[in-house]
């Protein structure tokens, strides 16, 4: 699964490397500027079409690097990456409007996974007069969980 925050960081690396702003990049690969803005802000996820347009226009971008961070940017010609072979056939998704990187389902192990948080510093809470509305946990990987009592 593609981590969207990491994908955006790699996309920003490409922008810096070629000295382009988001608008010029969008124009160059042939997508709407608003699509680029929504992607960089984390509102939208990248589509397969978007990734393929990047690879067509910028040959120095490696597919595995842009998607999962493996490999190098700019792409070096002497490195060969082994493409993992699946034992099950790949079925095409007939819904062309579907997002390529959306998760299909979350397995039970991921649901049960919890992370330990470090003890907060300088906590000054007076619970006598205040009622808790929401508790939000922020994780280092950029995700968060909100709990309401």
N, C-alpha and C. Protein backbone atom coordinates (compact mmCIF):
# COMPACT_ATOMS: atom_id res chain seq x y z
N UNK A 1 0.84 -1.18 0.00
CA UNK A 1 0.00 0.00 0.00
C UNK A 1 0.89 1.24 0.00
N UNK A 2 0.48 2.23 -0.75
CA UNK A 2 1.25 3.45 -0.89
C UNK A 2 0.94 4.39 0.27
N UNK A 3 1.99 4.85 0.95
CA UNK A 3 1.83 5.86 1.99
C UNK A 3 1.74 7.21 1.30
N UNK A 4 0.59 7.85 1.41
CA UNK A 4 0.34 9.08 0.67
C UNK A 4 1.28 10.21 1.09
N UNK A 5 1.55 10.31 2.40
CA UNK A 5 2.46 11.37 2.86
C UNK A 5 3.85 11.20 2.27
N UNK A 6 4.34 9.95 2.23
CA UNK A 6 5.65 9.69 1.64
C UNK A 6 5.63 9.93 0.13
N UNK A 7 4.52 9.56 -0.52
CA UNK A 7 4.40 9.80 -1.95
C UNK A 7 4.50 11.30 -2.25
N UNK A 8 3.82 12.11 -1.45
CA UNK A 8 3.85 13.56 -1.65
C UNK A 8 5.26 14.10 -1.44
N UNK A 9 5.98 13.58 -0.45
CA UNK A 9 7.37 14.02 -0.23
C UNK A 9 8.24 13.68 -1.43
N UNK A 10 8.05 12.50 -2.00
CA UNK A 10 8.84 12.12 -3.18
C UNK A 10 8.44 12.99 -4.38
N UNK A 11 7.16 13.31 -4.49
CA UNK A 11 6.70 14.19 -5.56
C UNK A 11 7.32 15.58 -5.42
N UNK A 12 7.41 16.07 -4.20
CA UNK A 12 8.05 17.37 -3.96
C UNK A 12 9.54 17.31 -4.29
N UNK A 13 10.18 16.17 -4.08
CA UNK A 13 11.58 15.98 -4.45
C UNK A 13 11.73 16.13 -5.96
N UNK A 14 10.80 15.56 -6.71
CA UNK A 14 10.83 15.67 -8.18
C UNK A 14 10.67 17.13 -8.59
N UNK A 15 9.74 17.83 -7.96
CA UNK A 15 9.53 19.25 -8.28
C UNK A 15 10.81 20.05 -8.05
N UNK A 16 11.46 19.82 -6.90
CA UNK A 16 12.70 20.53 -6.58
C UNK A 16 13.80 20.18 -7.58
N UNK A 17 13.92 18.91 -7.93
CA UNK A 17 14.97 18.46 -8.83
C UNK A 17 14.87 19.14 -10.20
N UNK A 18 13.65 19.25 -10.71
CA UNK A 18 13.46 19.86 -12.02
C UNK A 18 13.20 21.36 -11.94
N UNK A 19 13.16 21.92 -10.74
CA UNK A 19 12.96 23.35 -10.57
C UNK A 19 11.60 23.83 -11.03
N UNK A 20 10.58 23.02 -10.75
CA UNK A 20 9.23 23.34 -11.18
C UNK A 20 8.34 23.63 -9.98
N UNK A 21 7.37 24.51 -10.18
CA UNK A 21 6.35 24.66 -9.15
C UNK A 21 5.21 23.70 -9.49
N UNK A 22 4.23 23.59 -8.63
CA UNK A 22 3.15 22.62 -8.82
C UNK A 22 2.37 22.89 -10.11
N UNK A 23 2.13 24.16 -10.42
CA UNK A 23 1.37 24.50 -11.64
C UNK A 23 2.12 24.09 -12.90
N UNK A 24 3.40 24.41 -12.94
CA UNK A 24 4.21 24.06 -14.12
C UNK A 24 4.32 22.55 -14.27
N UNK A 25 4.45 21.85 -13.15
CA UNK A 25 4.53 20.39 -13.18
C UNK A 25 3.23 19.80 -13.73
N UNK A 26 2.09 20.31 -13.24
CA UNK A 26 0.79 19.83 -13.70
C UNK A 26 0.63 20.06 -15.20
N UNK A 27 1.03 21.24 -15.66
CA UNK A 27 0.94 21.54 -17.09
C UNK A 27 1.83 20.60 -17.90
N UNK A 28 3.01 20.34 -17.39
CA UNK A 28 3.98 19.51 -18.11
C UNK A 28 3.50 18.06 -18.27
N UNK A 29 2.86 17.50 -17.23
CA UNK A 29 2.41 16.11 -17.33
C UNK A 29 0.98 16.00 -17.85
N UNK A 30 0.31 17.15 -18.03
CA UNK A 30 -1.02 17.13 -18.63
C UNK A 30 -2.16 16.82 -17.68
N UNK A 31 -2.08 17.31 -16.45
CA UNK A 31 -3.19 17.16 -15.51
C UNK A 31 -3.65 18.55 -15.08
N UNK A 32 -4.85 18.61 -14.53
CA UNK A 32 -5.35 19.89 -14.06
C UNK A 32 -4.54 20.37 -12.87
N UNK A 33 -4.37 21.66 -12.79
CA UNK A 33 -3.63 22.25 -11.67
C UNK A 33 -4.30 21.94 -10.34
N UNK A 34 -5.62 21.94 -10.34
CA UNK A 34 -6.35 21.65 -9.10
C UNK A 34 -6.10 20.22 -8.63
N UNK A 35 -5.94 19.30 -9.57
CA UNK A 35 -5.64 17.90 -9.21
C UNK A 35 -4.30 17.82 -8.49
N UNK A 36 -3.33 18.56 -8.99
CA UNK A 36 -2.00 18.59 -8.38
C UNK A 36 -2.09 19.20 -6.99
N UNK A 37 -2.84 20.28 -6.84
CA UNK A 37 -3.00 20.94 -5.55
C UNK A 37 -3.66 20.01 -4.54
N UNK A 38 -4.72 19.33 -4.97
CA UNK A 38 -5.42 18.41 -4.07
C UNK A 38 -4.53 17.25 -3.65
N UNK A 39 -3.69 16.80 -4.55
CA UNK A 39 -2.78 15.70 -4.23
C UNK A 39 -1.72 16.15 -3.24
N UNK A 40 -1.12 17.32 -3.47
CA UNK A 40 -0.07 17.81 -2.58
C UNK A 40 -0.60 18.15 -1.19
N UNK A 41 -1.86 18.53 -1.11
CA UNK A 41 -2.45 18.85 0.20
C UNK A 41 -2.90 17.60 0.95
N UNK A 42 -2.90 16.46 0.28
CA UNK A 42 -3.33 15.22 0.92
C UNK A 42 -4.82 14.97 0.80
N UNK A 43 -5.53 15.84 0.09
CA UNK A 43 -6.97 15.66 -0.08
C UNK A 43 -7.28 14.46 -0.96
N UNK A 44 -6.53 14.31 -2.06
CA UNK A 44 -6.74 13.21 -3.00
C UNK A 44 -5.55 12.28 -3.01
N UNK A 45 -5.81 11.07 -3.46
CA UNK A 45 -4.75 10.07 -3.63
C UNK A 45 -4.37 10.02 -5.10
N UNK A 46 -3.13 9.62 -5.41
CA UNK A 46 -2.72 9.57 -6.82
C UNK A 46 -3.39 8.43 -7.55
N UNK A 47 -3.78 8.67 -8.79
CA UNK A 47 -4.36 7.62 -9.62
C UNK A 47 -3.24 6.96 -10.43
N UNK A 48 -3.54 5.83 -11.01
CA UNK A 48 -2.57 5.15 -11.87
C UNK A 48 -2.23 6.04 -13.06
N UNK A 49 -3.23 6.71 -13.62
CA UNK A 49 -3.00 7.61 -14.74
C UNK A 49 -2.02 8.71 -14.38
N UNK A 50 -2.17 9.27 -13.18
CA UNK A 50 -1.27 10.33 -12.72
C UNK A 50 0.17 9.82 -12.64
N UNK A 51 0.36 8.66 -12.03
CA UNK A 51 1.70 8.08 -11.89
C UNK A 51 2.30 7.78 -13.26
N UNK A 52 1.50 7.22 -14.16
CA UNK A 52 2.00 6.88 -15.49
C UNK A 52 2.41 8.13 -16.27
N UNK A 53 1.68 9.23 -16.10
CA UNK A 53 2.05 10.48 -16.78
C UNK A 53 3.38 11.00 -16.27
N UNK A 54 3.63 10.86 -14.98
CA UNK A 54 4.93 11.27 -14.42
C UNK A 54 6.04 10.46 -15.07
N UNK A 55 5.85 9.13 -15.14
CA UNK A 55 6.88 8.25 -15.69
C UNK A 55 7.11 8.52 -17.18
N UNK A 56 6.07 8.89 -17.91
CA UNK A 56 6.22 9.17 -19.34
C UNK A 56 7.01 10.45 -19.59
N UNK A 57 6.73 11.48 -18.81
CA UNK A 57 7.35 12.79 -19.04
C UNK A 57 8.73 12.87 -18.39
N UNK A 58 8.92 12.21 -17.26
CA UNK A 58 10.19 12.27 -16.53
C UNK A 58 10.80 10.87 -16.45
N UNK A 59 11.63 10.50 -17.42
CA UNK A 59 12.20 9.15 -17.45
C UNK A 59 13.17 8.86 -16.31
N UNK A 60 13.65 9.88 -15.62
CA UNK A 60 14.56 9.66 -14.48
C UNK A 60 13.82 9.19 -13.23
N UNK A 61 12.49 9.21 -13.25
CA UNK A 61 11.71 8.77 -12.10
C UNK A 61 11.49 7.27 -12.21
N UNK A 62 11.85 6.56 -11.16
CA UNK A 62 11.67 5.11 -11.10
C UNK A 62 10.30 4.79 -10.50
N UNK A 63 9.61 3.83 -11.09
CA UNK A 63 8.27 3.46 -10.64
C UNK A 63 8.26 3.05 -9.17
N UNK A 64 9.18 2.17 -8.79
CA UNK A 64 9.21 1.71 -7.40
C UNK A 64 9.58 2.83 -6.44
N UNK A 65 10.42 3.74 -6.89
CA UNK A 65 10.81 4.85 -6.01
C UNK A 65 9.62 5.77 -5.75
N UNK A 66 8.89 6.16 -6.81
CA UNK A 66 7.78 7.09 -6.63
C UNK A 66 6.65 6.45 -5.82
N UNK A 67 6.43 5.15 -5.98
CA UNK A 67 5.33 4.49 -5.28
C UNK A 67 5.68 4.11 -3.85
N UNK A 68 6.82 3.44 -3.67
CA UNK A 68 7.12 2.90 -2.33
C UNK A 68 8.47 3.32 -1.76
N UNK A 69 9.22 4.13 -2.50
CA UNK A 69 10.48 4.63 -1.97
C UNK A 69 11.67 3.71 -2.16
N UNK A 70 11.50 2.63 -2.90
CA UNK A 70 12.63 1.72 -3.17
C UNK A 70 13.33 2.16 -4.45
N UNK A 71 14.64 2.12 -4.43
CA UNK A 71 15.39 2.56 -5.59
C UNK A 71 15.95 3.95 -5.38
N UNK A 72 16.32 4.58 -6.46
CA UNK A 72 16.96 5.89 -6.38
C UNK A 72 16.26 6.88 -7.29
N UNK A 73 16.44 8.13 -6.95
CA UNK A 73 16.03 9.21 -7.84
C UNK A 73 17.18 10.19 -7.93
N UNK A 74 17.62 10.56 -9.10
CA UNK A 74 17.19 10.07 -10.40
C UNK A 74 17.58 8.61 -10.60
N UNK A 75 16.84 7.95 -11.45
CA UNK A 75 17.01 6.51 -11.69
C UNK A 75 18.39 6.24 -12.27
N UNK A 76 19.06 5.23 -11.74
CA UNK A 76 20.35 4.84 -12.30
C UNK A 76 20.14 3.64 -13.20
N UNK A 77 20.80 3.63 -14.33
CA UNK A 77 20.59 2.58 -15.33
C UNK A 77 21.25 1.26 -14.97
N UNK A 78 22.23 1.27 -14.06
CA UNK A 78 22.93 0.02 -13.76
C UNK A 78 22.23 -0.80 -12.68
N UNK A 79 21.19 -0.28 -12.08
CA UNK A 79 20.47 -1.04 -11.06
C UNK A 79 19.31 -1.79 -11.68
N UNK A 80 19.20 -3.06 -11.35
CA UNK A 80 18.07 -3.86 -11.80
C UNK A 80 17.26 -4.26 -10.58
N UNK A 81 15.99 -3.99 -10.64
CA UNK A 81 15.11 -4.38 -9.55
C UNK A 81 14.32 -5.60 -9.99
N UNK A 82 14.24 -6.56 -9.10
CA UNK A 82 13.49 -7.75 -9.41
C UNK A 82 12.02 -7.47 -9.13
N UNK A 83 11.19 -7.72 -10.11
CA UNK A 83 9.76 -7.51 -9.95
C UNK A 83 9.17 -8.73 -9.28
N UNK A 84 8.52 -8.55 -8.13
CA UNK A 84 7.95 -9.69 -7.44
C UNK A 84 6.84 -10.33 -8.27
N UNK A 85 6.86 -11.65 -8.37
CA UNK A 85 5.86 -12.37 -9.11
C UNK A 85 4.80 -12.90 -8.16
N UNK A 86 3.58 -12.70 -8.52
CA UNK A 86 2.46 -13.16 -7.70
C UNK A 86 2.04 -14.54 -8.15
N UNK A 87 1.65 -15.38 -7.21
CA UNK A 87 1.20 -16.72 -7.56
C UNK A 87 -0.26 -16.71 -7.97
N UNK A 88 -0.96 -15.61 -7.69
CA UNK A 88 -2.36 -15.52 -8.08
C UNK A 88 -2.49 -14.56 -9.25
N UNK A 89 -3.38 -14.85 -10.18
CA UNK A 89 -3.52 -13.95 -11.33
C UNK A 89 -4.10 -12.61 -10.90
N UNK A 90 -3.71 -11.59 -11.63
CA UNK A 90 -4.19 -10.24 -11.34
C UNK A 90 -5.48 -10.02 -12.11
N UNK A 91 -6.50 -9.60 -11.40
CA UNK A 91 -7.78 -9.33 -12.04
C UNK A 91 -7.93 -7.83 -12.22
N UNK A 92 -8.40 -7.44 -13.38
CA UNK A 92 -8.56 -6.01 -13.62
C UNK A 92 -9.83 -5.53 -12.96
N UNK A 93 -9.79 -4.28 -12.53
CA UNK A 93 -10.94 -3.65 -11.91
C UNK A 93 -11.67 -2.89 -12.99
N UNK A 94 -12.89 -3.25 -13.28
CA UNK A 94 -13.65 -2.63 -14.36
C UNK A 94 -14.11 -1.22 -14.01
N UNK A 95 -14.07 -0.85 -12.73
CA UNK A 95 -14.48 0.48 -12.31
C UNK A 95 -13.33 1.44 -12.52
N UNK A 96 -13.33 2.13 -13.66
CA UNK A 96 -12.19 3.00 -13.99
C UNK A 96 -12.13 4.22 -13.11
N UNK A 97 -13.20 4.57 -12.40
CA UNK A 97 -13.19 5.73 -11.53
C UNK A 97 -12.60 5.42 -10.16
N UNK A 98 -12.32 4.15 -9.89
CA UNK A 98 -11.81 3.77 -8.58
C UNK A 98 -10.37 4.23 -8.43
N UNK A 99 -9.99 4.53 -7.21
CA UNK A 99 -8.64 4.95 -6.91
C UNK A 99 -7.75 3.72 -6.80
N UNK A 100 -6.65 3.73 -7.51
CA UNK A 100 -5.75 2.60 -7.56
C UNK A 100 -5.16 2.26 -6.19
N UNK A 101 -4.96 3.26 -5.34
CA UNK A 101 -4.23 3.05 -4.11
C UNK A 101 -5.14 2.93 -2.88
N UNK A 102 -6.42 2.90 -3.06
CA UNK A 102 -7.32 2.74 -1.92
C UNK A 102 -7.19 1.33 -1.37
N UNK A 103 -7.28 1.22 -0.07
CA UNK A 103 -7.18 -0.11 0.51
C UNK A 103 -8.49 -0.84 0.32
N UNK A 104 -8.40 -2.11 0.01
CA UNK A 104 -9.58 -2.92 -0.22
C UNK A 104 -10.18 -3.32 1.11
N UNK A 105 -9.36 -3.64 2.05
CA UNK A 105 -9.84 -4.04 3.36
C UNK A 105 -8.70 -4.00 4.36
N UNK A 106 -9.03 -3.97 5.62
CA UNK A 106 -8.02 -3.97 6.66
C UNK A 106 -8.11 -5.30 7.38
N UNK A 107 -6.98 -5.99 7.46
CA UNK A 107 -7.02 -7.29 8.12
C UNK A 107 -7.12 -7.11 9.63
N UNK A 108 -7.47 -8.18 10.31
CA UNK A 108 -7.72 -8.12 11.75
C UNK A 108 -6.46 -7.72 12.53
N UNK A 109 -5.29 -8.12 12.05
CA UNK A 109 -4.06 -7.77 12.75
C UNK A 109 -3.83 -6.26 12.74
N UNK A 110 -4.11 -5.61 11.62
CA UNK A 110 -3.97 -4.16 11.55
C UNK A 110 -4.96 -3.45 12.46
N UNK A 111 -6.16 -4.02 12.60
CA UNK A 111 -7.17 -3.41 13.46
C UNK A 111 -6.73 -3.46 14.93
N UNK A 112 -6.07 -4.56 15.31
CA UNK A 112 -5.68 -4.73 16.70
C UNK A 112 -4.38 -4.01 17.05
N UNK A 113 -3.66 -3.57 16.03
CA UNK A 113 -2.36 -2.94 16.27
C UNK A 113 -2.52 -1.63 17.05
N UNK A 114 -1.78 -1.50 18.10
CA UNK A 114 -1.78 -0.26 18.86
C UNK A 114 -0.35 0.20 19.02
N UNK A 115 -0.21 1.47 19.26
CA UNK A 115 1.13 2.02 19.44
C UNK A 115 1.22 2.64 20.82
N UNK A 116 2.40 2.53 21.40
CA UNK A 116 2.64 3.12 22.71
C UNK A 116 3.00 4.59 22.53
N UNK A 117 2.41 5.42 23.35
CA UNK A 117 2.71 6.84 23.31
C UNK A 117 3.61 7.19 24.48
N UNK A 118 4.54 8.11 24.25
CA UNK A 118 5.40 8.54 25.34
C UNK A 118 4.61 9.43 26.28
N UNK A 119 5.06 9.53 27.49
CA UNK A 119 4.36 10.33 28.48
C UNK A 119 4.44 11.80 28.09
N UNK A 120 3.32 12.51 28.14
CA UNK A 120 3.33 13.92 27.76
C UNK A 120 4.12 14.75 28.77
N UNK A 121 4.69 15.83 28.30
CA UNK A 121 5.48 16.71 29.15
C UNK A 121 4.64 17.92 29.53
N UNK A 122 4.82 18.40 30.76
CA UNK A 122 4.17 19.62 31.25
C UNK A 122 2.65 19.59 31.08
N UNK A 123 2.05 18.52 31.56
CA UNK A 123 0.60 18.40 31.47
C UNK A 123 -0.02 19.09 32.67
N UNK A 124 -0.95 19.99 32.40
CA UNK A 124 -1.63 20.74 33.44
C UNK A 124 -3.13 20.64 33.19
N UNK A 125 -3.77 19.60 33.71
CA UNK A 125 -5.17 19.37 33.43
C UNK A 125 -5.97 19.48 34.72
N UNK A 126 -7.02 20.25 34.67
CA UNK A 126 -7.95 20.37 35.79
C UNK A 126 -9.28 19.80 35.33
N UNK A 127 -9.61 18.57 35.75
CA UNK A 127 -10.81 17.90 35.27
C UNK A 127 -12.04 18.17 36.13
N UNK A 128 -11.91 18.95 37.18
CA UNK A 128 -13.05 19.18 38.05
C UNK A 128 -14.14 19.97 37.36
N UNK A 129 -13.79 21.03 36.63
CA UNK A 129 -14.78 21.89 36.02
C UNK A 129 -14.94 21.64 34.52
N UNK A 130 -13.99 20.95 33.90
CA UNK A 130 -14.01 20.76 32.46
C UNK A 130 -14.48 19.36 32.10
N UNK A 131 -15.14 19.28 30.96
CA UNK A 131 -15.59 17.99 30.44
C UNK A 131 -14.83 17.73 29.14
N UNK A 132 -14.31 16.54 28.98
CA UNK A 132 -13.53 16.21 27.79
C UNK A 132 -14.48 16.01 26.61
N UNK A 133 -14.18 16.71 25.52
CA UNK A 133 -15.00 16.60 24.32
C UNK A 133 -14.42 15.57 23.37
N UNK A 134 -13.09 15.61 23.18
CA UNK A 134 -12.44 14.72 22.21
C UNK A 134 -10.99 14.52 22.60
N UNK A 135 -10.48 13.31 22.35
CA UNK A 135 -9.07 13.00 22.55
C UNK A 135 -8.51 12.61 21.19
N UNK A 136 -7.41 13.26 20.80
CA UNK A 136 -6.80 12.98 19.50
C UNK A 136 -5.38 12.50 19.73
N UNK A 137 -5.03 11.34 19.14
CA UNK A 137 -3.69 10.79 19.20
C UNK A 137 -3.02 10.98 17.84
N UNK A 138 -1.85 11.56 17.84
CA UNK A 138 -1.08 11.76 16.61
C UNK A 138 0.09 10.79 16.60
N UNK A 139 0.25 10.06 15.49
CA UNK A 139 1.33 9.09 15.36
C UNK A 139 2.45 9.66 14.49
N UNK A 140 3.64 9.12 14.66
CA UNK A 140 4.80 9.61 13.93
C UNK A 140 4.67 9.40 12.42
N UNK A 141 3.87 8.42 11.99
CA UNK A 141 3.74 8.16 10.56
C UNK A 141 2.76 9.11 9.88
N UNK A 142 2.25 10.12 10.64
CA UNK A 142 1.38 11.12 10.06
C UNK A 142 -0.10 10.82 10.21
N UNK A 143 -0.45 9.69 10.80
CA UNK A 143 -1.85 9.37 10.98
C UNK A 143 -2.30 9.81 12.36
N UNK A 144 -3.61 9.79 12.58
CA UNK A 144 -4.14 10.14 13.89
C UNK A 144 -5.43 9.38 14.12
N UNK A 145 -5.82 9.29 15.38
CA UNK A 145 -7.09 8.70 15.77
C UNK A 145 -7.77 9.65 16.73
N UNK A 146 -9.07 9.85 16.54
CA UNK A 146 -9.84 10.73 17.41
C UNK A 146 -10.84 9.88 18.19
N UNK A 147 -10.93 10.13 19.47
CA UNK A 147 -11.86 9.41 20.35
C UNK A 147 -12.77 10.43 21.02
N UNK A 148 -14.06 10.13 21.02
CA UNK A 148 -15.04 10.95 21.71
C UNK A 148 -15.67 10.12 22.81
N UNK A 149 -15.71 10.64 24.06
CA UNK A 149 -16.28 9.85 25.16
C UNK A 149 -17.78 9.70 25.02
